[in-house]
C-alpha atoms as a PDB file:
ATOM      1  CA  MET A   1      -5.648 -11.055  15.449  1.00  0.00           C
ATOM      2  CA  LYS A   2      -6.677 -14.718  15.225  1.00  0.00           C
ATOM      3  CA  LYS A   3      -4.657 -17.046  12.990  1.00  0.00           C
ATOM      4  CA  LYS A   4      -7.803 -17.823  10.972  1.00  0.00           C
ATOM      5  CA  ASP A   5      -8.303 -14.111  10.296  1.00  0.00           C
ATOM      6  CA  GLN A   6      -4.629 -13.728   9.344  1.00  0.00           C
ATOM      7  CA  ASN A   7      -4.986 -16.500   6.751  1.00  0.00           C
ATOM      8  CA  SER A   8      -8.233 -15.039   5.406  1.00  0.00           C
ATOM      9  CA  TYR A   9      -6.738 -11.558   5.269  1.00  0.00           C
ATOM     10  CA  ALA A  10      -3.738 -12.837   3.286  1.00  0.00           C
ATOM     11  CA  ILE A  11      -6.060 -14.470   0.736  1.00  0.00           C
ATOM     12  CA  ILE A  12      -8.157 -11.295   0.510  1.00  0.00           C
ATOM     13  CA  TRP A  13      -5.081  -9.105   0.063  1.00  0.00           C
ATOM     14  CA  GLU A  14      -3.771 -11.400  -2.701  1.00  0.00           C
ATOM     15  CA  THR A  15      -7.134 -11.134  -4.452  1.00  0.00           C
ATOM     16  CA  VAL A  16      -7.205  -7.339  -4.166  1.00  0.00           C
ATOM     17  CA  GLN A  17      -3.682  -7.224  -5.657  1.00  0.00           C
ATOM     18  CA  ARG A  18      -5.174  -8.689  -8.862  1.00  0.00           C
ATOM     19  CA  ILE A  19      -7.570  -5.770  -9.482  1.00  0.00           C
ATOM     20  CA  PRO A  20      -6.077  -3.869 -12.429  1.00  0.00           C
ATOM     21  CA  LYS A  21      -5.695  -0.101 -12.595  1.00  0.00           C
ATOM     22  CA  GLY A  22      -8.864   1.553 -13.819  1.00  0.00           C
ATOM     23  CA  LYS A  23     -11.133  -1.143 -12.348  1.00  0.00           C
ATOM     24  CA  VAL A  24     -12.899  -1.609  -9.024  1.00  0.00           C
ATOM     25  CA  SER A  25     -14.332  -4.550  -7.143  1.00  0.00           C
ATOM     26  CA  THR A  26     -16.926  -4.833  -4.417  1.00  0.00           C
ATOM     27  CA  TYR A  27     -16.373  -6.290  -0.964  1.00  0.00           C
ATOM     28  CA  GLY A  28     -18.730  -9.156  -1.787  1.00  0.00           C
ATOM     29  CA  GLN A  29     -17.057  -9.900  -5.100  1.00  0.00           C
ATOM     30  CA  ILE A  30     -13.640 -10.073  -3.421  1.00  0.00           C
ATOM     31  CA  ALA A  31     -15.047 -12.476  -0.804  1.00  0.00           C
ATOM     32  CA  ARG A  32     -16.461 -14.769  -3.503  1.00  0.00           C
ATOM     33  CA  ILE A  33     -13.278 -14.730  -5.621  1.00  0.00           C
ATOM     34  CA  ALA A  34     -11.191 -15.411  -2.500  1.00  0.00           C
ATOM     35  CA  GLY A  35     -13.347 -18.468  -1.731  1.00  0.00           C
ATOM     36  CA  LEU A  36     -14.903 -16.906   1.364  1.00  0.00           C
ATOM     37  CA  GLY A  37     -18.521 -17.078   0.249  1.00  0.00           C
ATOM     38  CA  GLU A  38     -20.627 -14.017   0.953  1.00  0.00           C
ATOM     39  CA  ASN A  39     -18.364 -12.740   3.714  1.00  0.00           C
ATOM     40  CA  ALA A  40     -18.108  -9.139   2.509  1.00  0.00           C
ATOM     41  CA  ARG A  41     -17.734  -7.877   6.068  1.00  0.00           C
ATOM     42  CA  LEU A  42     -14.514  -9.897   6.479  1.00  0.00           C
ATOM     43  CA  VAL A  43     -13.158  -8.170   3.371  1.00  0.00           C
ATOM     44  CA  GLY A  44     -13.931  -4.828   4.999  1.00  0.00           C
ATOM     45  CA  TYR A  45     -12.009  -5.855   8.103  1.00  0.00           C
ATOM     46  CA  ALA A  46      -9.091  -7.000   5.945  1.00  0.00           C
ATOM     47  CA  MET A  47      -9.043  -3.663   4.111  1.00  0.00           C
ATOM     48  CA  HIS A  48      -9.014  -1.862   7.451  1.00  0.00           C
ATOM     49  CA  ASN A  49      -6.059  -3.983   8.603  1.00  0.00           C
ATOM     50  CA  ILE A  50      -3.749  -3.641   5.598  1.00  0.00           C
ATOM     51  CA  PRO A  51      -0.209  -3.176   6.927  1.00  0.00           C
ATOM     52  CA  ARG A  52       1.156   0.371   6.690  1.00  0.00           C
ATOM     53  CA  GLY A  53       3.328   0.936   3.648  1.00  0.00           C
ATOM     54  CA  SER A  54       1.706  -1.919   1.753  1.00  0.00           C
ATOM     55  CA  SER A  55       1.233  -1.696  -2.018  1.00  0.00           C
ATOM     56  CA  ILE A  56      -2.184  -3.387  -1.853  1.00  0.00           C
ATOM     57  CA  PRO A  57      -4.580  -1.235  -3.963  1.00  0.00           C
ATOM     58  CA  TRP A  58      -7.188  -0.923  -1.192  1.00  0.00           C
ATOM     59  CA  HIS A  59      -8.755   2.061  -2.940  1.00  0.00           C
ATOM     60  CA  ARG A  60     -10.125  -0.203  -5.696  1.00  0.00           C
ATOM     61  CA  VAL A  61     -12.532  -1.923  -3.288  1.00  0.00           C
ATOM     62  CA  ILE A  62     -15.949  -0.267  -2.985  1.00  0.00           C
ATOM     63  CA  ASN A  63     -19.421  -1.265  -1.865  1.00  0.00           C
ATOM     64  CA  SER A  64     -22.086  -3.035  -3.917  1.00  0.00           C
ATOM     65  CA  LYS A  65     -23.852   0.261  -4.640  1.00  0.00           C
ATOM     66  CA  GLY A  66     -20.762   1.463  -6.505  1.00  0.00           C
ATOM     67  CA  MET A  67     -19.838   3.872  -3.745  1.00  0.00           C
ATOM     68  CA  ILE A  68     -16.938   4.454  -1.385  1.00  0.00           C
ATOM     69  CA  SER A  69     -17.892   3.073   2.020  1.00  0.00           C
ATOM     70  CA  LEU A  70     -15.962   5.555   4.129  1.00  0.00           C
ATOM     71  CA  PRO A  71     -17.793   8.623   5.461  1.00  0.00           C
ATOM     72  CA  PRO A  72     -17.445  11.553   2.994  1.00  0.00           C
ATOM     73  CA  LYS A  73     -15.998  13.808   5.697  1.00  0.00           C
ATOM     74  CA  ASP A  74     -13.230  11.267   6.406  1.00  0.00           C
ATOM     75  CA  GLY A  75      -9.877  12.233   4.879  1.00  0.00           C
ATOM     76  CA  MET A  76      -9.445   8.644   3.684  1.00  0.00           C
ATOM     77  CA  TYR A  77     -12.666   8.985   1.665  1.00  0.00           C
ATOM     78  CA  GLN A  78     -11.148  11.932  -0.171  1.00  0.00           C
ATOM     79  CA  LEU A  79      -7.892  10.025  -0.709  1.00  0.00           C
ATOM     80  CA  GLN A  80      -9.735   6.984  -2.084  1.00  0.00           C
ATOM     81  CA  LYS A  81     -11.758   9.118  -4.468  1.00  0.00           C
ATOM     82  CA  LYS A  82      -8.631  10.972  -5.606  1.00  0.00           C
ATOM     83  CA  LEU A  83      -6.760   7.699  -6.245  1.00  0.00           C
ATOM     84  CA  LEU A  84      -9.672   6.264  -8.231  1.00  0.00           C
ATOM     85  CA  LYS A  85     -10.027   9.412 -10.335  1.00  0.00           C
ATOM     86  CA  LYS A  86      -6.281   9.291 -11.013  1.00  0.00           C
ATOM     87  CA  GLU A  87      -6.934   5.856 -12.578  1.00  0.00           C
ATOM     88  CA  ASN A  88      -9.602   7.411 -14.831  1.00  0.00           C
ATOM     89  CA  ILE A  89     -12.515   5.970 -12.899  1.00  0.00           C
ATOM     90  CA  ILE A  90     -15.475   8.278 -13.412  1.00  0.00           C
ATOM     91  CA  PHE A  91     -17.876   9.248 -10.642  1.00  0.00           C
ATOM     92  CA  LYS A  92     -21.449  10.338 -11.274  1.00  0.00           C
ATOM     93  CA  GLY A  93     -22.115  12.187  -8.068  1.00  0.00           C
ATOM     94  CA  GLU A  94     -20.709   9.760  -5.522  1.00  0.00           C
ATOM     95  CA  LYS A  95     -21.294   6.599  -7.589  1.00  0.00           C
ATOM     96  CA  ILE A  96     -19.154   4.550  -9.948  1.00  0.00           C
ATOM     97  CA  ASP A  97     -20.860   2.717 -12.806  1.00  0.00           C
ATOM     98  CA  LEU A  98     -20.098  -0.922 -11.995  1.00  0.00           C
ATOM     99  CA  THR A  99     -21.218  -2.042 -15.455  1.00  0.00           C
ATOM    100  CA  LYS A 100     -18.316  -0.043 -16.836  1.00  0.00           C
ATOM    101  CA  PHE A 101     -15.622  -0.178 -14.144  1.00  0.00           C
ATOM    102  CA  GLU A 102     -16.146  -3.441 -12.252  1.00  0.00           C
ATOM    103  CA  TRP A 103     -13.277  -5.895 -12.549  1.00  0.00           C
ATOM    104  CA  ILE A 104     -14.312  -9.213 -14.079  1.00  0.00           C
ATOM    105  CA  PRO A 105     -11.485 -11.737 -13.583  1.00  0.00           C
ATOM    106  CA  LYS A 106     -10.593 -13.823 -16.600  1.00  0.00           C
ATOM    107  CA  ASP A 107      -9.883 -16.951 -14.552  1.00  0.00           C
END
């Protein structure tokens, strides 16, 4: 991994740590809050590269449609959905209502 990516990943992970229980954020929103512009794809790479055993709440990051980005047949999809439901996030079909559950930082 390039040093630039390592630095960006650390900033992304710190931002994701701020998402409170019961809220979600989109890849693009995390990129903007982290000062990385519209680089949602980089956020996706950072989520994929979270160190094992980390407490980063990766499951709270979803796509801009309000959906989990992993394929539904992937076991991680099921885990993400389970973790979100455990935090009282409601799904309508496969979607989360971002007007209700999206994290809006206070600062």
